[in-house]
Amino acid sequence: MINKSIRKAYCPVDYAFQRVGGKYKGRILWFLKDGMLRYGELKRIVEGISSKMLTQALKELEQDLLITRKVYLEVPPRVEYSLTESGFELIPSIDNMRIWAERQMSHL
């Protein structure tokens, strides 16, 4: 299900940043590159994120078909998140931005 509430994209760059822009989505995707993570693990490794913001970002990434959410019907409930094929396609671009940022930060 694609999020219908997102405004119309004016170009491919706009479309991409609507999906991965913001403070947390890129980091969540980056942390999922090595495999599945549970909600609590993501909460610990995404520095500075509140539970509300993590839940919102995960929901939006799932709606945009960049991650999958698997719920296990057990007590206590267990939920796991992983990248979709489309989400994996973003990892090289995020890595290129990481490399660029490292170079820029070294000049500070």
N, C-alpha and C. Protein backbone atom coordinates (compact mmCIF):
# COMPACT_ATOMS: atom_id res chain seq x y z
N MET A 1 0.84 -1.17 0.00
CA MET A 1 0.00 0.00 0.00
C MET A 1 0.89 1.24 0.00
N ILE A 2 0.77 2.06 -0.99
CA ILE A 2 1.56 3.28 -1.09
C ILE A 2 0.80 4.41 -0.42
N ASN A 3 1.52 5.23 0.33
CA ASN A 3 0.94 6.33 1.07
C ASN A 3 0.35 7.35 0.11
N LYS A 4 -0.96 7.45 0.09
CA LYS A 4 -1.65 8.36 -0.83
C LYS A 4 -1.61 9.81 -0.36
N SER A 5 -1.24 10.04 0.93
CA SER A 5 -1.27 11.39 1.46
C SER A 5 -0.03 12.21 1.06
N ILE A 6 0.97 11.57 0.50
CA ILE A 6 2.18 12.30 0.09
C ILE A 6 1.84 13.14 -1.14
N ARG A 7 2.34 14.36 -1.13
CA ARG A 7 2.02 15.25 -2.25
C ARG A 7 2.64 14.73 -3.54
N LYS A 8 2.15 15.23 -4.65
CA LYS A 8 2.64 14.82 -5.96
C LYS A 8 4.11 15.20 -6.09
N ALA A 9 4.90 14.28 -6.60
CA ALA A 9 6.32 14.55 -6.82
C ALA A 9 6.48 15.34 -8.12
N TYR A 10 7.35 16.35 -8.07
CA TYR A 10 7.57 17.19 -9.24
C TYR A 10 8.68 16.68 -10.14
N CYS A 11 9.54 15.84 -9.59
CA CYS A 11 10.63 15.26 -10.36
C CYS A 11 11.13 14.03 -9.60
N PRO A 12 11.97 13.21 -10.21
CA PRO A 12 12.48 12.02 -9.52
C PRO A 12 13.21 12.33 -8.22
N VAL A 13 13.94 13.43 -8.16
CA VAL A 13 14.66 13.78 -6.93
C VAL A 13 13.66 14.09 -5.81
N ASP A 14 12.63 14.82 -6.15
CA ASP A 14 11.57 15.13 -5.18
C ASP A 14 10.91 13.84 -4.69
N TYR A 15 10.61 12.94 -5.60
CA TYR A 15 10.00 11.66 -5.26
C TYR A 15 10.89 10.89 -4.28
N ALA A 16 12.19 10.82 -4.57
CA ALA A 16 13.13 10.09 -3.72
C ALA A 16 13.19 10.70 -2.33
N PHE A 17 13.32 12.02 -2.25
CA PHE A 17 13.45 12.64 -0.94
C PHE A 17 12.16 12.61 -0.14
N GLN A 18 11.02 12.52 -0.80
CA GLN A 18 9.77 12.33 -0.07
C GLN A 18 9.78 10.98 0.65
N ARG A 19 10.45 9.99 0.09
CA ARG A 19 10.47 8.65 0.68
C ARG A 19 11.57 8.47 1.72
N VAL A 20 12.73 9.06 1.52
CA VAL A 20 13.85 8.80 2.43
C VAL A 20 14.36 10.05 3.12
N GLY A 21 13.75 11.20 2.85
CA GLY A 21 14.19 12.43 3.48
C GLY A 21 13.81 12.47 4.95
N GLY A 22 14.28 13.46 5.62
CA GLY A 22 14.00 13.61 7.03
C GLY A 22 15.17 13.14 7.88
N LYS A 23 14.99 13.23 9.16
CA LYS A 23 16.08 13.00 10.09
C LYS A 23 16.40 11.53 10.32
N TYR A 24 15.43 10.63 10.13
CA TYR A 24 15.63 9.26 10.58
C TYR A 24 15.53 8.17 9.50
N LYS A 25 14.79 8.39 8.45
CA LYS A 25 14.53 7.31 7.50
C LYS A 25 15.80 6.75 6.86
N GLY A 26 16.71 7.62 6.45
CA GLY A 26 17.95 7.15 5.85
C GLY A 26 18.76 6.30 6.82
N ARG A 27 18.80 6.72 8.09
CA ARG A 27 19.54 5.96 9.09
C ARG A 27 18.88 4.60 9.34
N ILE A 28 17.56 4.57 9.39
CA ILE A 28 16.86 3.29 9.59
C ILE A 28 17.20 2.35 8.44
N LEU A 29 17.11 2.84 7.21
CA LEU A 29 17.45 2.00 6.05
C LEU A 29 18.90 1.51 6.15
N TRP A 30 19.81 2.40 6.52
CA TRP A 30 21.23 2.04 6.63
C TRP A 30 21.44 0.94 7.65
N PHE A 31 20.79 1.04 8.80
CA PHE A 31 20.96 0.03 9.84
C PHE A 31 20.35 -1.31 9.44
N LEU A 32 19.35 -1.29 8.58
CA LEU A 32 18.71 -2.54 8.14
C LEU A 32 19.48 -3.22 7.00
N LYS A 33 20.52 -2.58 6.48
CA LYS A 33 21.24 -3.13 5.33
C LYS A 33 21.89 -4.47 5.64
N ASP A 34 22.23 -4.69 6.90
CA ASP A 34 22.91 -5.94 7.27
C ASP A 34 21.94 -7.04 7.69
N GLY A 35 20.66 -6.75 7.67
CA GLY A 35 19.68 -7.79 8.01
C GLY A 35 18.58 -7.27 8.91
N MET A 36 17.73 -8.20 9.29
CA MET A 36 16.54 -7.91 10.07
C MET A 36 16.89 -7.35 11.44
N LEU A 37 16.08 -6.40 11.91
CA LEU A 37 16.21 -5.87 13.26
C LEU A 37 14.83 -5.77 13.90
N ARG A 38 14.78 -5.93 15.19
CA ARG A 38 13.54 -5.77 15.93
C ARG A 38 13.37 -4.31 16.33
N TYR A 39 12.14 -3.96 16.70
CA TYR A 39 11.82 -2.58 17.06
C TYR A 39 12.76 -2.07 18.15
N GLY A 40 12.94 -2.83 19.21
CA GLY A 40 13.79 -2.41 20.32
C GLY A 40 15.23 -2.18 19.90
N GLU A 41 15.72 -3.01 18.98
CA GLU A 41 17.09 -2.84 18.48
C GLU A 41 17.22 -1.53 17.71
N LEU A 42 16.22 -1.25 16.87
CA LEU A 42 16.23 0.00 16.12
C LEU A 42 16.16 1.19 17.07
N LYS A 43 15.33 1.10 18.09
CA LYS A 43 15.19 2.18 19.07
C LYS A 43 16.53 2.48 19.74
N ARG A 44 17.32 1.44 20.00
CA ARG A 44 18.62 1.63 20.65
C ARG A 44 19.66 2.22 19.70
N ILE A 45 19.67 1.81 18.44
CA ILE A 45 20.76 2.24 17.56
C ILE A 45 20.49 3.52 16.78
N VAL A 46 19.22 3.93 16.64
CA VAL A 46 18.92 5.19 15.96
C VAL A 46 18.93 6.28 17.04
N GLU A 47 20.07 6.91 17.16
CA GLU A 47 20.27 7.89 18.23
C GLU A 47 19.30 9.05 18.15
N GLY A 48 18.72 9.38 19.33
CA GLY A 48 17.88 10.57 19.43
C GLY A 48 16.45 10.41 18.97
N ILE A 49 16.03 9.23 18.55
CA ILE A 49 14.68 9.06 18.03
C ILE A 49 13.73 8.69 19.17
N SER A 50 12.55 9.29 19.16
CA SER A 50 11.53 8.94 20.15
C SER A 50 10.75 7.73 19.64
N SER A 51 10.04 7.08 20.53
CA SER A 51 9.22 5.94 20.13
C SER A 51 8.19 6.34 19.09
N LYS A 52 7.59 7.52 19.28
CA LYS A 52 6.58 8.00 18.34
C LYS A 52 7.17 8.21 16.94
N MET A 53 8.34 8.84 16.88
CA MET A 53 8.98 9.11 15.58
C MET A 53 9.44 7.82 14.92
N LEU A 54 9.95 6.86 15.71
CA LEU A 54 10.37 5.59 15.13
C LEU A 54 9.18 4.86 14.54
N THR A 55 8.09 4.81 15.29
CA THR A 55 6.88 4.15 14.79
C THR A 55 6.40 4.81 13.51
N GLN A 56 6.37 6.14 13.47
CA GLN A 56 5.92 6.87 12.28
C GLN A 56 6.83 6.62 11.09
N ALA A 57 8.14 6.69 11.30
CA ALA A 57 9.09 6.47 10.20
C ALA A 57 8.98 5.04 9.67
N LEU A 58 8.88 4.07 10.56
CA LEU A 58 8.75 2.67 10.12
C LEU A 58 7.46 2.47 9.33
N LYS A 59 6.39 3.07 9.78
CA LYS A 59 5.11 2.95 9.08
C LYS A 59 5.20 3.56 7.67
N GLU A 60 5.84 4.72 7.56
CA GLU A 60 5.98 5.37 6.25
C GLU A 60 6.90 4.56 5.33
N LEU A 61 7.99 4.05 5.86
CA LEU A 61 8.89 3.23 5.04
C LEU A 61 8.20 1.96 4.58
N GLU A 62 7.34 1.40 5.42
CA GLU A 62 6.58 0.20 5.02
C GLU A 62 5.55 0.56 3.96
N GLN A 63 4.86 1.67 4.13
CA GLN A 63 3.87 2.11 3.14
C GLN A 63 4.52 2.37 1.78
N ASP A 64 5.76 2.85 1.79
CA ASP A 64 6.48 3.13 0.55
C ASP A 64 7.20 1.91 0.00
N LEU A 65 6.96 0.75 0.63
CA LEU A 65 7.48 -0.54 0.19
C LEU A 65 9.01 -0.61 0.21
N LEU A 66 9.62 0.10 1.18
CA LEU A 66 11.07 0.07 1.33
C LEU A 66 11.50 -0.91 2.42
N ILE A 67 10.60 -1.20 3.36
CA ILE A 67 10.86 -2.20 4.39
C ILE A 67 9.65 -3.11 4.52
N THR A 68 9.88 -4.27 5.11
CA THR A 68 8.77 -5.18 5.45
C THR A 68 8.73 -5.33 6.96
N ARG A 69 7.55 -5.59 7.44
CA ARG A 69 7.30 -5.77 8.87
C ARG A 69 6.72 -7.15 9.05
N LYS A 70 7.37 -7.96 9.88
CA LYS A 70 6.88 -9.31 10.14
C LYS A 70 6.52 -9.41 11.62
N VAL A 71 5.26 -9.76 11.89
CA VAL A 71 4.75 -9.86 13.25
C VAL A 71 4.62 -11.33 13.61
N TYR A 72 5.18 -11.70 14.76
CA TYR A 72 5.07 -13.05 15.27
C TYR A 72 4.01 -13.05 16.37
N LEU A 73 3.04 -13.94 16.24
CA LEU A 73 1.96 -14.01 17.21
C LEU A 73 2.40 -14.85 18.41
N GLU A 74 3.11 -14.19 19.30
CA GLU A 74 3.59 -14.85 20.51
C GLU A 74 3.57 -13.83 21.63
N VAL A 75 3.76 -14.30 22.85
CA VAL A 75 3.77 -13.40 23.99
C VAL A 75 5.16 -13.43 24.61
N PRO A 76 5.84 -12.29 24.77
CA PRO A 76 5.42 -10.98 24.28
C PRO A 76 5.52 -10.91 22.76
N PRO A 77 4.74 -10.00 22.14
CA PRO A 77 4.77 -9.90 20.68
C PRO A 77 6.17 -9.57 20.17
N ARG A 78 6.50 -10.11 19.03
CA ARG A 78 7.80 -9.86 18.40
C ARG A 78 7.54 -9.33 17.00
N VAL A 79 8.19 -8.22 16.66
CA VAL A 79 8.06 -7.60 15.34
C VAL A 79 9.45 -7.41 14.78
N GLU A 80 9.66 -7.83 13.54
CA GLU A 80 10.95 -7.70 12.89
C GLU A 80 10.80 -6.88 11.61
N TYR A 81 11.81 -6.06 11.34
CA TYR A 81 11.83 -5.21 10.15
C TYR A 81 13.02 -5.58 9.29
N SER A 82 12.81 -5.56 7.98
CA SER A 82 13.90 -5.82 7.04
C SER A 82 13.66 -5.03 5.76
N LEU A 83 14.72 -4.87 4.99
CA LEU A 83 14.62 -4.14 3.72
C LEU A 83 13.94 -4.99 2.66
N THR A 84 13.18 -4.34 1.81
CA THR A 84 12.66 -4.98 0.61
C THR A 84 13.73 -4.87 -0.47
N GLU A 85 13.47 -5.46 -1.60
CA GLU A 85 14.40 -5.33 -2.73
C GLU A 85 14.58 -3.86 -3.09
N SER A 86 13.48 -3.13 -3.10
CA SER A 86 13.53 -1.71 -3.42
C SER A 86 14.34 -0.95 -2.38
N GLY A 87 14.21 -1.32 -1.12
CA GLY A 87 15.00 -0.69 -0.06
C GLY A 87 16.48 -0.97 -0.22
N PHE A 88 16.82 -2.21 -0.60
CA PHE A 88 18.23 -2.56 -0.83
C PHE A 88 18.82 -1.73 -1.97
N GLU A 89 18.02 -1.39 -2.96
CA GLU A 89 18.51 -0.59 -4.08
C GLU A 89 18.99 0.79 -3.64
N LEU A 90 18.49 1.27 -2.51
CA LEU A 90 18.88 2.60 -2.01
C LEU A 90 20.22 2.60 -1.28
N ILE A 91 20.67 1.46 -0.82
CA ILE A 91 21.87 1.39 0.02
C ILE A 91 23.11 1.98 -0.67
N PRO A 92 23.39 1.66 -1.94
CA PRO A 92 24.57 2.30 -2.57
C PRO A 92 24.48 3.83 -2.59
N SER A 93 23.29 4.38 -2.79
CA SER A 93 23.13 5.84 -2.79
C SER A 93 23.35 6.41 -1.40
N ILE A 94 22.84 5.74 -0.39
CA ILE A 94 23.05 6.19 0.98
C ILE A 94 24.53 6.09 1.32
N ASP A 95 25.19 5.05 0.86
CA ASP A 95 26.63 4.90 1.11
C ASP A 95 27.42 6.01 0.43
N ASN A 96 27.03 6.38 -0.78
CA ASN A 96 27.70 7.50 -1.46
C ASN A 96 27.53 8.80 -0.68
N MET A 97 26.35 9.03 -0.12
CA MET A 97 26.14 10.23 0.70
C MET A 97 26.98 10.16 1.97
N ARG A 98 27.12 8.97 2.56
CA ARG A 98 27.95 8.78 3.75
C ARG A 98 29.40 9.14 3.45
N ILE A 99 29.90 8.66 2.32
CA ILE A 99 31.29 8.94 1.92
C ILE A 99 31.49 10.45 1.69
N TRP A 100 30.55 11.07 1.00
CA TRP A 100 30.61 12.51 0.77
C TRP A 100 30.63 13.26 2.10
N ALA A 101 29.75 12.85 3.02
CA ALA A 101 29.66 13.54 4.31
C ALA A 101 30.94 13.38 5.12
N GLU A 102 31.55 12.21 5.06
CA GLU A 102 32.83 12.01 5.77
C GLU A 102 33.89 12.98 5.26
N ARG A 103 33.95 13.15 3.93
CA ARG A 103 34.92 14.09 3.36
C ARG A 103 34.62 15.52 3.81
N GLN A 104 33.35 15.90 3.77
CA GLN A 104 32.97 17.26 4.16
C GLN A 104 33.25 17.50 5.63
N MET A 105 32.95 16.52 6.47
CA MET A 105 33.13 16.67 7.92
C MET A 105 34.60 16.74 8.29
N SER A 106 35.45 16.15 7.47
CA SER A 106 36.90 16.18 7.78
C SER A 106 37.47 17.58 7.61
N HIS A 107 36.74 18.46 6.90
CA HIS A 107 37.20 19.83 6.69
C HIS A 107 36.72 20.79 7.78
N LEU A 108 35.91 20.30 8.67
CA LEU A 108 35.35 21.18 9.72
C LEU A 108 36.34 21.45 10.82
